[in-house]
Amino acid sequence: MSELAFTGGLFSYAEVVMFDWYRRCTYDGEQKRAFHCQARIALRALAKELRLPEVAYDLRSNRAGVAVSGEIILHGETIYIQVCQPATGPDSGILIRTCEGRRDYEGGRNHLAPLSLLDRPAELAEYVRAVMSGDLSLISRMFGPLSAWRLARG
């Protein structure tokens, strides 16, 4: 995919490379490093989209062992978001729930979203806001389209 970019008074086309969230990072140290790096970038973009100041959340990473992806977590005063490659598959790789402070590790109900939403921070932010609102009918209406956004895998 090409994108028009403005650089130093000139317009140029740059190739935009999307990260492959679906490529497993178990037993692949380089892929795990890239997964954690890209997830941190994506969660910072999400925090910006949610208008969270940097002091309003913690961003941490647990690389865990070689057989798992580990997790990357954005933990604010009222929201907890975890990114990983779970055994249930990448379409449930983003966990979103409400919380009561940064020491609350249990929080509210778990809501899952596909890893592919990390490439669309505005859409992911909309889903996060729905979870934070607690309106289950809104969350249910949104989840239908989310489940249809799964990337075709060959």
N, C-alpha and C. Protein backbone atom coordinates (compact mmCIF):
# COMPACT_ATOMS: atom_id res chain seq x y z
N MET A 1 0.85 -1.17 0.00
CA MET A 1 0.00 0.00 0.00
C MET A 1 0.90 1.23 0.00
N SER A 2 0.63 2.19 -0.85
CA SER A 2 1.41 3.42 -0.90
C SER A 2 0.67 4.55 -0.22
N GLU A 3 1.42 5.47 0.32
CA GLU A 3 0.83 6.59 1.02
C GLU A 3 1.58 7.86 0.62
N LEU A 4 0.84 8.93 0.40
CA LEU A 4 1.45 10.20 0.04
C LEU A 4 1.98 10.85 1.31
N ALA A 5 3.23 11.25 1.31
CA ALA A 5 3.84 11.86 2.48
C ALA A 5 4.44 13.21 2.11
N PHE A 6 4.40 14.17 3.03
CA PHE A 6 4.96 15.50 2.84
C PHE A 6 6.28 15.55 3.59
N THR A 7 7.38 15.76 2.89
CA THR A 7 8.69 15.82 3.53
C THR A 7 9.48 17.00 3.00
N GLY A 8 9.84 17.90 3.87
CA GLY A 8 10.71 19.02 3.52
C GLY A 8 10.28 19.81 2.30
N GLY A 9 9.00 20.11 2.18
CA GLY A 9 8.52 20.90 1.05
C GLY A 9 8.22 20.09 -0.18
N LEU A 10 8.45 18.79 -0.12
CA LEU A 10 8.20 17.92 -1.27
C LEU A 10 7.18 16.84 -0.88
N PHE A 11 6.42 16.43 -1.87
CA PHE A 11 5.54 15.29 -1.65
C PHE A 11 6.22 14.06 -2.22
N SER A 12 6.13 12.97 -1.50
CA SER A 12 6.70 11.73 -2.00
C SER A 12 5.81 10.57 -1.58
N TYR A 13 5.94 9.47 -2.29
CA TYR A 13 5.19 8.27 -1.93
C TYR A 13 6.08 7.38 -1.09
N ALA A 14 5.53 6.88 0.00
CA ALA A 14 6.26 5.96 0.87
C ALA A 14 5.47 4.67 0.99
N GLU A 15 6.18 3.60 1.03
CA GLU A 15 5.54 2.30 1.19
C GLU A 15 5.22 2.11 2.67
N VAL A 16 3.96 1.83 2.99
CA VAL A 16 3.53 1.60 4.36
C VAL A 16 3.47 0.09 4.57
N VAL A 17 4.23 -0.39 5.52
CA VAL A 17 4.26 -1.81 5.79
C VAL A 17 3.50 -2.05 7.08
N MET A 18 2.43 -2.86 6.99
CA MET A 18 1.64 -3.18 8.16
C MET A 18 2.29 -4.36 8.88
N PHE A 19 2.24 -4.36 10.19
CA PHE A 19 2.80 -5.46 10.96
C PHE A 19 1.86 -6.66 10.88
N ASP A 20 2.42 -7.85 10.78
CA ASP A 20 1.63 -9.07 10.73
C ASP A 20 1.38 -9.56 12.15
N TRP A 21 0.25 -9.13 12.72
CA TRP A 21 -0.12 -9.49 14.09
C TRP A 21 -0.40 -10.98 14.21
N TYR A 22 -0.66 -11.64 13.08
CA TYR A 22 -1.06 -13.04 13.10
C TYR A 22 0.13 -14.01 13.01
N ARG A 23 1.30 -13.50 12.72
CA ARG A 23 2.50 -14.37 12.67
C ARG A 23 2.90 -14.71 14.10
N ARG A 24 2.94 -15.97 14.41
CA ARG A 24 3.24 -16.43 15.76
C ARG A 24 4.64 -16.01 16.18
N CYS A 25 4.78 -15.67 17.46
CA CYS A 25 6.10 -15.28 17.95
C CYS A 25 6.65 -16.28 18.96
N THR A 26 5.97 -17.40 19.12
CA THR A 26 6.51 -18.44 19.99
C THR A 26 7.75 -19.06 19.31
N TYR A 27 8.76 -19.28 20.10
CA TYR A 27 10.03 -19.86 19.64
C TYR A 27 10.70 -19.03 18.54
N ASP A 28 10.38 -17.76 18.47
CA ASP A 28 10.98 -16.86 17.47
C ASP A 28 11.28 -15.53 18.17
N GLY A 29 12.48 -15.44 18.72
CA GLY A 29 12.86 -14.27 19.51
C GLY A 29 12.75 -12.96 18.76
N GLU A 30 13.13 -12.94 17.49
CA GLU A 30 13.08 -11.71 16.70
C GLU A 30 11.63 -11.28 16.47
N GLN A 31 10.75 -12.22 16.17
CA GLN A 31 9.34 -11.89 15.98
C GLN A 31 8.71 -11.41 17.29
N LYS A 32 9.10 -12.03 18.40
CA LYS A 32 8.57 -11.60 19.70
C LYS A 32 9.00 -10.17 20.01
N ARG A 33 10.28 -9.86 19.74
CA ARG A 33 10.78 -8.50 19.97
C ARG A 33 9.97 -7.51 19.13
N ALA A 34 9.76 -7.84 17.85
CA ALA A 34 9.00 -6.96 16.96
C ALA A 34 7.55 -6.84 17.42
N PHE A 35 6.95 -7.95 17.85
CA PHE A 35 5.57 -7.95 18.33
C PHE A 35 5.41 -7.00 19.51
N HIS A 36 6.32 -7.10 20.47
CA HIS A 36 6.26 -6.24 21.66
C HIS A 36 6.48 -4.77 21.29
N CYS A 37 7.44 -4.52 20.42
CA CYS A 37 7.74 -3.15 19.99
C CYS A 37 6.53 -2.54 19.27
N GLN A 38 5.96 -3.27 18.32
CA GLN A 38 4.82 -2.75 17.55
C GLN A 38 3.58 -2.61 18.42
N ALA A 39 3.38 -3.53 19.36
CA ALA A 39 2.22 -3.43 20.25
C ALA A 39 2.33 -2.20 21.15
N ARG A 40 3.53 -1.90 21.62
CA ARG A 40 3.73 -0.70 22.44
C ARG A 40 3.42 0.56 21.62
N ILE A 41 3.88 0.57 20.38
CA ILE A 41 3.59 1.71 19.50
C ILE A 41 2.08 1.83 19.29
N ALA A 42 1.42 0.71 19.04
CA ALA A 42 -0.02 0.71 18.80
C ALA A 42 -0.79 1.16 20.05
N LEU A 43 -0.35 0.73 21.23
CA LEU A 43 -1.05 1.13 22.46
C LEU A 43 -0.81 2.60 22.77
N ARG A 44 0.35 3.13 22.43
CA ARG A 44 0.57 4.58 22.58
C ARG A 44 -0.35 5.37 21.64
N ALA A 45 -0.51 4.86 20.42
CA ALA A 45 -1.43 5.51 19.47
C ALA A 45 -2.86 5.44 19.99
N LEU A 46 -3.23 4.32 20.59
CA LEU A 46 -4.57 4.18 21.17
C LEU A 46 -4.75 5.17 22.32
N ALA A 47 -3.76 5.28 23.18
CA ALA A 47 -3.83 6.23 24.31
C ALA A 47 -4.00 7.65 23.79
N LYS A 48 -3.30 7.98 22.73
CA LYS A 48 -3.44 9.31 22.12
C LYS A 48 -4.86 9.50 21.59
N GLU A 49 -5.39 8.46 20.94
CA GLU A 49 -6.75 8.52 20.39
C GLU A 49 -7.78 8.67 21.52
N LEU A 50 -7.49 8.06 22.67
CA LEU A 50 -8.38 8.17 23.83
C LEU A 50 -8.13 9.45 24.63
N ARG A 51 -7.15 10.23 24.17
CA ARG A 51 -6.75 11.50 24.81
C ARG A 51 -6.29 11.29 26.25
N LEU A 52 -5.52 10.23 26.45
CA LEU A 52 -4.94 9.96 27.76
C LEU A 52 -3.56 10.60 27.83
N PRO A 53 -3.33 11.50 28.77
CA PRO A 53 -1.97 12.03 28.92
C PRO A 53 -1.03 10.92 29.36
N GLU A 54 0.24 11.02 29.01
CA GLU A 54 1.21 9.96 29.33
C GLU A 54 1.26 9.64 30.82
N VAL A 55 1.00 10.60 31.69
CA VAL A 55 1.04 10.35 33.13
C VAL A 55 -0.22 9.62 33.62
N ALA A 56 -1.21 9.45 32.76
CA ALA A 56 -2.49 8.84 33.17
C ALA A 56 -2.52 7.33 32.99
N TYR A 57 -1.43 6.73 32.51
CA TYR A 57 -1.42 5.29 32.31
C TYR A 57 0.01 4.75 32.39
N ASP A 58 0.09 3.47 32.66
CA ASP A 58 1.36 2.74 32.61
C ASP A 58 1.34 1.90 31.35
N LEU A 59 2.47 1.76 30.72
CA LEU A 59 2.62 0.88 29.56
C LEU A 59 3.75 -0.08 29.91
N ARG A 60 3.41 -1.35 30.03
CA ARG A 60 4.43 -2.32 30.42
C ARG A 60 4.37 -3.57 29.54
N SER A 61 5.44 -4.31 29.60
CA SER A 61 5.59 -5.47 28.73
C SER A 61 6.18 -6.62 29.53
N ASN A 62 5.62 -7.81 29.37
CA ASN A 62 6.14 -9.02 29.98
C ASN A 62 6.43 -9.99 28.84
N ARG A 63 7.69 -10.21 28.52
CA ARG A 63 8.04 -11.06 27.38
C ARG A 63 7.82 -12.53 27.66
N ALA A 64 7.78 -12.94 28.92
CA ALA A 64 7.49 -14.32 29.33
C ALA A 64 8.49 -15.30 28.70
N GLY A 65 8.11 -16.57 28.62
CA GLY A 65 9.02 -17.60 28.12
C GLY A 65 8.93 -17.78 26.61
N VAL A 66 9.74 -18.70 26.09
CA VAL A 66 9.84 -18.88 24.64
C VAL A 66 8.58 -19.48 24.02
N ALA A 67 7.76 -20.17 24.80
CA ALA A 67 6.59 -20.87 24.25
C ALA A 67 5.35 -20.01 24.15
N VAL A 68 5.43 -18.74 24.59
CA VAL A 68 4.27 -17.84 24.57
C VAL A 68 4.69 -16.47 24.06
N SER A 69 3.70 -15.67 23.69
CA SER A 69 3.99 -14.33 23.17
C SER A 69 4.33 -13.34 24.27
N GLY A 70 3.89 -13.60 25.49
CA GLY A 70 3.98 -12.60 26.54
C GLY A 70 2.84 -11.62 26.34
N GLU A 71 2.85 -10.53 27.11
CA GLU A 71 1.78 -9.54 26.95
C GLU A 71 2.30 -8.13 27.11
N ILE A 72 1.59 -7.22 26.48
CA ILE A 72 1.87 -5.80 26.53
C ILE A 72 0.61 -5.16 27.10
N ILE A 73 0.75 -4.33 28.12
CA ILE A 73 -0.41 -3.83 28.86
C ILE A 73 -0.40 -2.31 28.95
N LEU A 74 -1.55 -1.72 28.66
CA LEU A 74 -1.82 -0.32 28.93
C LEU A 74 -2.78 -0.32 30.11
N HIS A 75 -2.36 0.26 31.24
CA HIS A 75 -3.15 0.22 32.48
C HIS A 75 -3.33 1.64 33.00
N GLY A 76 -4.55 2.12 32.91
CA GLY A 76 -4.88 3.45 33.40
C GLY A 76 -5.68 3.37 34.68
N GLU A 77 -6.25 4.50 35.08
CA GLU A 77 -7.06 4.56 36.30
C GLU A 77 -8.41 3.86 36.13
N THR A 78 -8.94 3.85 34.88
CA THR A 78 -10.27 3.27 34.65
C THR A 78 -10.29 2.23 33.54
N ILE A 79 -9.14 1.97 32.91
CA ILE A 79 -9.12 1.04 31.78
C ILE A 79 -7.86 0.16 31.82
N TYR A 80 -8.04 -1.10 31.47
CA TYR A 80 -6.95 -2.07 31.41
C TYR A 80 -7.03 -2.74 30.04
N ILE A 81 -5.95 -2.66 29.26
CA ILE A 81 -5.93 -3.24 27.92
C ILE A 81 -4.67 -4.09 27.80
N GLN A 82 -4.86 -5.34 27.42
CA GLN A 82 -3.74 -6.28 27.29
C GLN A 82 -3.70 -6.82 25.87
N VAL A 83 -2.51 -6.87 25.30
CA VAL A 83 -2.30 -7.41 23.95
C VAL A 83 -1.42 -8.64 24.07
N CYS A 84 -1.84 -9.73 23.43
CA CYS A 84 -1.03 -10.95 23.40
C CYS A 84 -1.51 -11.82 22.25
N GLN A 85 -0.85 -12.94 22.06
CA GLN A 85 -1.29 -13.94 21.08
C GLN A 85 -1.78 -15.14 21.89
N PRO A 86 -3.05 -15.15 22.28
CA PRO A 86 -3.54 -16.21 23.15
C PRO A 86 -3.73 -17.54 22.42
N ALA A 87 -3.86 -18.60 23.20
CA ALA A 87 -4.10 -19.92 22.62
C ALA A 87 -5.43 -19.97 21.88
N THR A 88 -6.35 -19.06 22.22
CA THR A 88 -7.65 -19.02 21.55
C THR A 88 -7.59 -18.38 20.18
N GLY A 89 -6.44 -17.82 19.82
CA GLY A 89 -6.25 -17.25 18.49
C GLY A 89 -6.18 -15.74 18.49
N PRO A 90 -5.66 -15.17 17.40
CA PRO A 90 -5.42 -13.73 17.32
C PRO A 90 -6.71 -12.88 17.28
N ASP A 91 -7.85 -13.51 17.02
CA ASP A 91 -9.09 -12.74 16.99
C ASP A 91 -9.60 -12.43 18.39
N SER A 92 -8.87 -12.90 19.40
CA SER A 92 -9.17 -12.55 20.79
C SER A 92 -7.91 -12.04 21.48
N GLY A 93 -7.02 -11.45 20.72
CA GLY A 93 -5.71 -11.03 21.23
C GLY A 93 -5.67 -9.72 21.98
N ILE A 94 -6.77 -8.95 21.95
CA ILE A 94 -6.83 -7.71 22.73
C ILE A 94 -7.89 -7.91 23.80
N LEU A 95 -7.49 -7.79 25.05
CA LEU A 95 -8.41 -7.87 26.17
C LEU A 95 -8.63 -6.46 26.68
N ILE A 96 -9.89 -6.08 26.85
CA ILE A 96 -10.24 -4.74 27.32
C ILE A 96 -11.20 -4.89 28.49
N ARG A 97 -10.92 -4.21 29.58
CA ARG A 97 -11.85 -4.21 30.71
C ARG A 97 -11.67 -2.94 31.52
N THR A 98 -12.69 -2.60 32.27
CA THR A 98 -12.60 -1.46 33.16
C THR A 98 -11.82 -1.88 34.40
N CYS A 99 -11.33 -0.89 35.13
CA CYS A 99 -10.64 -1.17 36.38
C CYS A 99 -10.84 0.02 37.31
N GLU A 100 -10.45 -0.16 38.55
CA GLU A 100 -10.54 0.89 39.55
C GLU A 100 -9.14 1.20 40.06
N GLY A 101 -8.37 1.87 39.24
CA GLY A 101 -7.01 2.24 39.60
C GLY A 101 -5.97 1.31 38.99
N ARG A 102 -4.73 1.76 39.08
CA ARG A 102 -3.64 1.02 38.44
C ARG A 102 -3.17 -0.19 39.23
N ARG A 103 -3.74 -0.41 40.40
CA ARG A 103 -3.39 -1.61 41.17
C ARG A 103 -4.52 -2.64 41.10
N ASP A 104 -5.52 -2.37 40.29
CA ASP A 104 -6.63 -3.30 40.09
C ASP A 104 -6.29 -4.20 38.90
N TYR A 105 -6.01 -5.46 39.17
CA TYR A 105 -5.62 -6.40 38.12
C TYR A 105 -6.76 -7.37 37.77
N GLU A 106 -7.91 -7.21 38.41
CA GLU A 106 -9.06 -8.06 38.13
C GLU A 106 -10.10 -7.33 37.31
N GLY A 107 -10.43 -6.12 37.72
CA GLY A 107 -11.31 -5.25 36.94
C GLY A 107 -12.69 -5.79 36.64
N GLY A 108 -13.31 -5.19 35.64
CA GLY A 108 -14.65 -5.56 35.22
C GLY A 108 -14.64 -6.74 34.25
N ARG A 109 -15.74 -6.86 33.51
CA ARG A 109 -15.87 -7.96 32.54
C ARG A 109 -14.79 -7.88 31.46
N ASN A 110 -14.35 -9.03 31.01
CA ASN A 110 -13.40 -9.10 29.90
C ASN A 110 -14.13 -8.94 28.58
N HIS A 111 -13.59 -8.11 27.70
CA HIS A 111 -14.09 -7.94 26.33
C HIS A 111 -12.90 -8.16 25.41
N LEU A 112 -13.10 -8.95 24.37
CA LEU A 112 -12.01 -9.33 23.49
C LEU A 112 -12.18 -8.70 22.11
N ALA A 113 -11.07 -8.42 21.48
CA ALA A 113 -11.07 -7.85 20.13
C ALA A 113 -9.90 -8.44 19.35
N PRO A 114 -9.99 -8.44 18.03
CA PRO A 114 -8.91 -9.01 17.20
C PRO A 114 -7.67 -8.12 17.17
N LEU A 115 -6.52 -8.75 17.07
CA LEU A 115 -5.26 -8.02 16.99
C LEU A 115 -5.21 -7.05 15.82
N SER A 116 -5.93 -7.35 14.75
CA SER A 116 -5.91 -6.49 13.56
C SER A 116 -6.40 -5.07 13.88
N LEU A 117 -7.16 -4.89 14.96
CA LEU A 117 -7.61 -3.55 15.33
C LEU A 117 -6.48 -2.65 15.80
N LEU A 118 -5.34 -3.23 16.12
CA LEU A 118 -4.20 -2.41 16.53
C LEU A 118 -3.73 -1.50 15.39
N ASP A 119 -4.06 -1.88 14.15
CA ASP A 119 -3.70 -1.04 13.00
C ASP A 119 -4.72 0.07 12.76
N ARG A 120 -5.81 0.09 13.52
CA ARG A 120 -6.86 1.09 13.36
C ARG A 120 -7.22 1.69 14.72
N PRO A 121 -6.35 2.55 15.25
CA PRO A 121 -6.54 3.06 16.62
C PRO A 121 -7.85 3.80 16.84
N ALA A 122 -8.37 4.50 15.83
CA ALA A 122 -9.64 5.22 16.02
C ALA A 122 -10.78 4.23 16.24
N GLU A 123 -10.80 3.14 15.48
CA GLU A 123 -11.85 2.14 15.64
C GLU A 123 -11.70 1.39 16.96
N LEU A 124 -10.46 1.08 17.33
CA LEU A 124 -10.23 0.41 18.60
C LEU A 124 -10.63 1.33 19.75
N ALA A 125 -10.34 2.62 19.65
CA ALA A 125 -10.72 3.58 20.69
C ALA A 125 -12.23 3.64 20.85
N GLU A 126 -12.95 3.56 19.75
CA GLU A 126 -14.41 3.57 19.81
C GLU A 126 -14.91 2.35 20.60
N TYR A 127 -14.31 1.21 20.36
CA TYR A 127 -14.68 -0.01 21.08
C TYR A 127 -14.32 0.12 22.56
N VAL A 128 -13.14 0.66 22.86
CA VAL A 128 -12.72 0.86 24.25
C VAL A 128 -13.70 1.79 24.96
N ARG A 129 -14.11 2.87 24.31
CA ARG A 129 -15.08 3.79 24.92
C ARG A 129 -16.40 3.08 25.22
N ALA A 130 -16.81 2.18 24.32
CA ALA A 130 -18.05 1.42 24.55
C ALA A 130 -17.90 0.53 25.79
N VAL A 131 -16.75 -0.12 25.92
CA VAL A 131 -16.50 -0.96 27.09
C VAL A 131 -16.51 -0.10 28.35
N MET A 132 -15.87 1.06 28.30
CA MET A 132 -15.81 1.95 29.46
C MET A 132 -17.20 2.46 29.84
N SER A 133 -18.08 2.61 28.85
CA SER A 133 -19.43 3.10 29.13
C SER A 133 -20.26 2.06 29.87
N GLY A 134 -19.92 0.78 29.72
CA GLY A 134 -20.67 -0.28 30.37
C GLY A 134 -21.98 -0.61 29.68
N ASP A 135 -22.24 -0.01 28.54
CA ASP A 135 -23.49 -0.24 27.80
C ASP A 135 -23.34 -1.53 26.99
N LEU A 136 -23.86 -2.64 27.54
CA LEU A 136 -23.69 -3.94 26.89
C LEU A 136 -24.36 -4.02 25.53
N SER A 137 -25.48 -3.30 25.34
CA SER A 137 -26.13 -3.34 24.04
C SER A 137 -25.25 -2.66 22.98
N LEU A 138 -24.58 -1.57 23.35
CA LEU A 138 -23.66 -0.90 22.43
C LEU A 138 -22.48 -1.81 22.10
N ILE A 139 -21.94 -2.46 23.12
CA ILE A 139 -20.81 -3.36 22.91
C ILE A 139 -21.22 -4.50 21.99
N SER A 140 -22.40 -5.06 22.20
CA SER A 140 -22.89 -6.17 21.36
C SER A 140 -23.06 -5.72 19.92
N ARG A 141 -23.61 -4.52 19.71
CA ARG A 141 -23.78 -4.00 18.35
C ARG A 141 -22.43 -3.82 17.66
N MET A 142 -21.44 -3.40 18.41
CA MET A 142 -20.12 -3.18 17.83
C MET A 142 -19.39 -4.49 17.59
N PHE A 143 -19.61 -5.49 18.42
CA PHE A 143 -18.84 -6.72 18.31
C PHE A 143 -19.12 -7.46 17.02
N GLY A 144 -20.33 -7.38 16.49
CA GLY A 144 -20.64 -8.04 15.22
C GLY A 144 -19.67 -7.61 14.13
N PRO A 145 -19.53 -6.30 13.87
CA PRO A 145 -18.57 -5.86 12.85
C PRO A 145 -17.13 -6.21 13.21
N LEU A 146 -16.77 -6.19 14.50
CA LEU A 146 -15.39 -6.52 14.88
C LEU A 146 -15.05 -7.94 14.50
N SER A 147 -15.99 -8.87 14.72
CA SER A 147 -15.67 -10.25 14.41
C SER A 147 -15.57 -10.48 12.91
N ALA A 148 -16.19 -9.62 12.12
CA ALA A 148 -16.12 -9.76 10.66
C ALA A 148 -14.84 -9.16 10.09
N TRP A 149 -14.07 -8.42 10.89
CA TRP A 149 -12.87 -7.76 10.40
C TRP A 149 -11.66 -8.67 10.38
N ARG A 150 -11.85 -9.94 10.70
CA ARG A 150 -10.72 -10.86 10.75
C ARG A 150 -10.02 -10.90 9.39
N LEU A 151 -8.73 -10.84 9.44
CA LEU A 151 -7.95 -10.93 8.21
C LEU A 151 -8.04 -12.34 7.65
N ALA A 152 -8.16 -12.45 6.36
CA ALA A 152 -8.18 -13.78 5.72
C ALA A 152 -6.78 -14.37 5.84
N ARG A 153 -6.73 -15.57 6.31
CA ARG A 153 -5.43 -16.23 6.49
C ARG A 153 -5.36 -17.41 5.54
N GLY A 154 -4.23 -17.58 4.90
CA GLY A 154 -4.05 -18.68 3.96
C GLY A 154 -3.23 -19.79 4.50
